[in-house]
Amino acid sequence: EKVFIAQQALDRIDAVCQQLDEDMTEIERIVESSGGSYSTQALKVANPDDLAAAQVTPGSEWILAKVIHHDPQSGMFKLADEDVESDKTFTLPESQVVVLSMIEKLRAGDRIFAVYPDTTSFYEATVVQAPRKTNANPYVMVTFVDDSDEQGITHEKFVPLKHTMLPPYDA
């Protein structure tokens, strides 16, 4: 009986170690995609009025929001929808919020999520041209996935750098 219990414990430990290995592989992928160092996007302290990407329900699209309050102890955010036609507020856990900060090391071909022009929704995009700094509003030129016109041409679009984020871990 003791051998059986020990084998069960060993099997469980093996399963946990395997999950940790998978998690480490995912973390390494995120670190590599952010230029070799941890992204300050995920680690940034949130202040009121900071912009953030919010996933209102797990698995849904990411939307642009503004931080009202962040409680580091509980890990909860209170956010306001940035859509001018909405007065919605959300209380979400840190796992569903990315505080936005300008991505510094973007190159042509990088995959990001960006707010589609004239909306407050994030969509997958590919960087066409490295960020340009004009005045106080740096921008990046991207093409959005599945954004071709009726002739099948995908047009490049300018997006403020402050409206971009690295792909979320589950994307």
Protein backbone atom coordinates (compact mmCIF):
# COMPACT_ATOMS: atom_id res chain seq x y z
CA GLU A 1 0.00 0.00 0.00
CA LYS A 2 2.86 2.40 0.83
CA VAL A 3 4.53 1.66 -2.52
CA PHE A 4 1.23 2.36 -4.31
CA ILE A 5 0.81 5.72 -2.49
CA ALA A 6 4.44 6.64 -3.22
CA GLN A 7 3.92 5.83 -6.93
CA GLN A 8 0.79 8.02 -7.00
CA ALA A 9 2.72 10.89 -5.41
CA LEU A 10 5.57 10.45 -7.91
CA ASP A 11 3.10 10.44 -10.82
CA ARG A 12 1.53 13.65 -9.54
CA ILE A 13 4.93 15.30 -9.10
CA ASP A 14 5.86 14.29 -12.67
CA ALA A 15 2.63 15.85 -13.97
CA VAL A 16 3.31 19.11 -12.12
CA CYS A 17 6.91 19.19 -13.39
CA GLN A 18 5.70 18.65 -16.94
CA GLN A 19 3.25 21.56 -16.57
CA LEU A 20 6.05 23.75 -15.19
CA ASP A 21 8.23 22.85 -18.19
CA GLU A 22 5.42 23.86 -20.56
CA ASP A 23 4.92 27.13 -18.66
CA MET A 24 8.65 27.88 -18.81
CA THR A 25 8.66 27.27 -22.56
CA GLU A 26 5.81 29.77 -22.94
CA ILE A 27 7.60 32.32 -20.75
CA GLU A 28 10.76 31.92 -22.82
CA ARG A 29 8.72 32.51 -26.00
CA ILE A 30 7.27 35.71 -24.53
CA VAL A 31 10.70 36.92 -23.41
CA GLU A 32 12.23 36.22 -26.81
CA SER A 33 9.38 37.97 -28.65
CA SER A 34 9.86 41.07 -26.50
CA GLY A 35 13.48 41.50 -27.51
CA GLY A 36 15.10 39.28 -24.92
CA SER A 37 13.91 40.94 -21.74
CA TYR A 38 10.70 40.84 -19.79
CA SER A 39 8.08 43.16 -21.20
CA THR A 40 7.36 46.18 -19.05
CA GLN A 41 3.81 45.92 -20.40
CA ALA A 42 2.99 43.05 -18.10
CA LEU A 43 4.99 44.39 -15.13
CA LYS A 44 4.11 48.09 -15.29
CA VAL A 45 2.49 49.61 -12.23
CA ALA A 46 -0.91 50.97 -13.17
CA ASN A 47 -1.86 54.53 -12.34
CA PRO A 48 -5.22 56.23 -12.80
CA ASP A 49 -5.75 57.36 -16.43
CA ASP A 50 -3.20 54.88 -17.83
CA LEU A 51 -4.41 53.18 -20.99
CA ALA A 52 -4.89 49.43 -20.87
CA ALA A 53 -6.07 46.57 -23.01
CA ALA A 54 -8.90 44.72 -21.31
CA GLN A 55 -10.44 41.36 -22.03
CA VAL A 56 -13.89 41.72 -20.48
CA THR A 57 -14.51 37.97 -20.48
CA PRO A 58 -11.79 35.33 -20.90
CA GLY A 59 -11.36 34.48 -24.57
CA SER A 60 -13.17 37.60 -25.84
CA GLU A 61 -11.61 40.39 -27.89
CA TRP A 62 -9.33 42.95 -26.26
CA ILE A 63 -10.67 46.50 -25.95
CA LEU A 64 -9.08 49.83 -25.12
CA ALA A 65 -9.81 51.01 -21.59
CA LYS A 66 -8.57 53.55 -19.07
CA VAL A 67 -7.44 52.61 -15.57
CA ILE A 68 -9.62 54.09 -12.85
CA HIS A 69 -8.01 52.16 -9.99
CA HIS A 70 -5.64 49.25 -9.50
CA ASP A 71 -5.35 47.34 -6.23
CA PRO A 72 -2.00 45.50 -6.29
CA GLN A 73 -2.94 43.54 -3.16
CA SER A 74 -5.99 41.90 -4.71
CA GLY A 75 -4.73 42.17 -8.30
CA MET A 76 -8.00 43.77 -9.40
CA PHE A 77 -8.43 46.63 -11.85
CA LYS A 78 -11.33 49.03 -12.18
CA LEU A 79 -11.42 50.25 -15.80
CA ALA A 80 -13.53 52.52 -17.97
CA ASP A 81 -14.32 51.61 -21.57
CA GLU A 82 -12.62 54.13 -23.89
CA ASP A 83 -15.43 53.93 -26.45
CA VAL A 84 -16.93 57.45 -26.51
CA GLU A 85 -20.43 55.98 -26.86
CA SER A 86 -20.02 53.82 -23.77
CA ASP A 87 -20.07 54.64 -20.10
CA LYS A 88 -19.28 51.08 -19.02
CA THR A 89 -16.85 50.29 -16.24
CA PHE A 90 -15.32 46.91 -15.52
CA THR A 91 -13.70 45.27 -12.53
CA LEU A 92 -11.23 42.71 -13.85
CA PRO A 93 -8.34 40.59 -12.56
CA GLU A 94 -4.78 41.30 -13.69
CA SER A 95 -4.92 38.24 -15.97
CA GLN A 96 -7.44 40.08 -18.18
CA VAL A 97 -5.63 43.43 -18.28
CA VAL A 98 -2.46 44.64 -20.01
CA VAL A 99 -1.35 48.12 -19.00
CA LEU A 100 -0.12 49.73 -22.21
CA SER A 101 3.30 51.23 -22.60
CA MET A 102 5.02 52.06 -25.84
CA ILE A 103 6.80 49.02 -27.26
CA GLU A 104 10.35 50.16 -27.86
CA LYS A 105 11.85 47.45 -30.05
CA LEU A 106 9.51 46.93 -32.99
CA ARG A 107 10.80 45.88 -36.39
CA ALA A 108 9.14 45.25 -39.72
CA GLY A 109 7.54 41.80 -39.64
CA ASP A 110 6.84 41.76 -35.88
CA ARG A 111 3.40 40.54 -34.84
CA ILE A 112 1.50 42.81 -32.46
CA PHE A 113 -2.02 43.66 -31.41
CA ALA A 114 -3.14 47.20 -32.27
CA VAL A 115 -6.30 49.26 -31.99
CA TYR A 116 -7.97 49.33 -35.40
CA PRO A 117 -8.40 52.95 -36.57
CA ASP A 118 -11.66 54.62 -35.49
CA THR A 119 -12.47 51.78 -33.06
CA THR A 120 -11.47 50.78 -29.54
CA SER A 121 -10.83 47.11 -30.37
CA PHE A 122 -7.47 45.40 -30.65
CA TYR A 123 -6.75 43.19 -33.65
CA GLU A 124 -3.75 41.19 -34.74
CA ALA A 125 -1.42 43.13 -37.01
CA THR A 126 2.01 42.92 -38.61
CA VAL A 127 4.45 45.82 -38.37
CA VAL A 128 5.24 47.15 -41.84
CA GLN A 129 7.56 49.95 -40.78
CA ALA A 130 9.38 50.53 -37.50
CA PRO A 131 7.84 53.18 -35.22
CA ARG A 132 8.25 56.83 -36.21
CA LYS A 133 8.51 59.57 -33.66
CA THR A 134 6.73 62.71 -34.76
CA ASN A 135 6.06 65.42 -32.22
CA ALA A 136 4.74 63.80 -29.05
CA ASN A 137 2.71 61.11 -30.82
CA PRO A 138 4.86 58.24 -32.10
CA TYR A 139 3.10 55.88 -34.46
CA VAL A 140 3.70 52.59 -36.22
CA MET A 141 2.54 51.47 -39.66
CA VAL A 142 0.85 48.06 -39.72
CA THR A 143 -1.29 45.76 -41.79
CA PHE A 144 -4.15 44.10 -39.96
CA VAL A 145 -4.88 40.40 -40.37
CA ASP A 146 -7.95 39.71 -42.53
CA ASP A 147 -8.28 43.39 -43.54
CA SER A 148 -8.20 43.21 -47.32
CA ASP A 149 -10.54 45.30 -49.47
CA GLU A 150 -12.84 44.00 -52.20
CA GLN A 151 -9.84 43.64 -54.58
CA GLY A 152 -7.96 41.55 -52.02
CA ILE A 153 -5.46 44.31 -51.21
CA THR A 154 -4.45 44.84 -47.57
CA HIS A 155 -3.72 48.51 -46.96
CA GLU A 156 -1.19 49.79 -44.46
CA LYS A 157 -2.58 51.80 -41.55
CA PHE A 158 -1.04 54.22 -39.07
CA VAL A 159 -1.63 53.36 -35.41
CA PRO A 160 -0.48 55.43 -32.42
CA LEU A 161 2.28 53.50 -30.67
CA LYS A 162 0.41 53.97 -27.39
CA HIS A 163 -2.41 51.81 -28.85
CA THR A 164 -0.28 48.70 -29.38
CA MET A 165 0.69 45.70 -27.29
CA LEU A 166 2.61 42.48 -27.70
CA PRO A 167 0.35 39.52 -28.48
CA PRO A 168 -1.32 38.27 -25.31
CA TYR A 169 0.03 34.95 -24.03
CA ASP A 170 -3.07 33.09 -25.26
CA ALA A 171 -3.15 34.59 -28.78
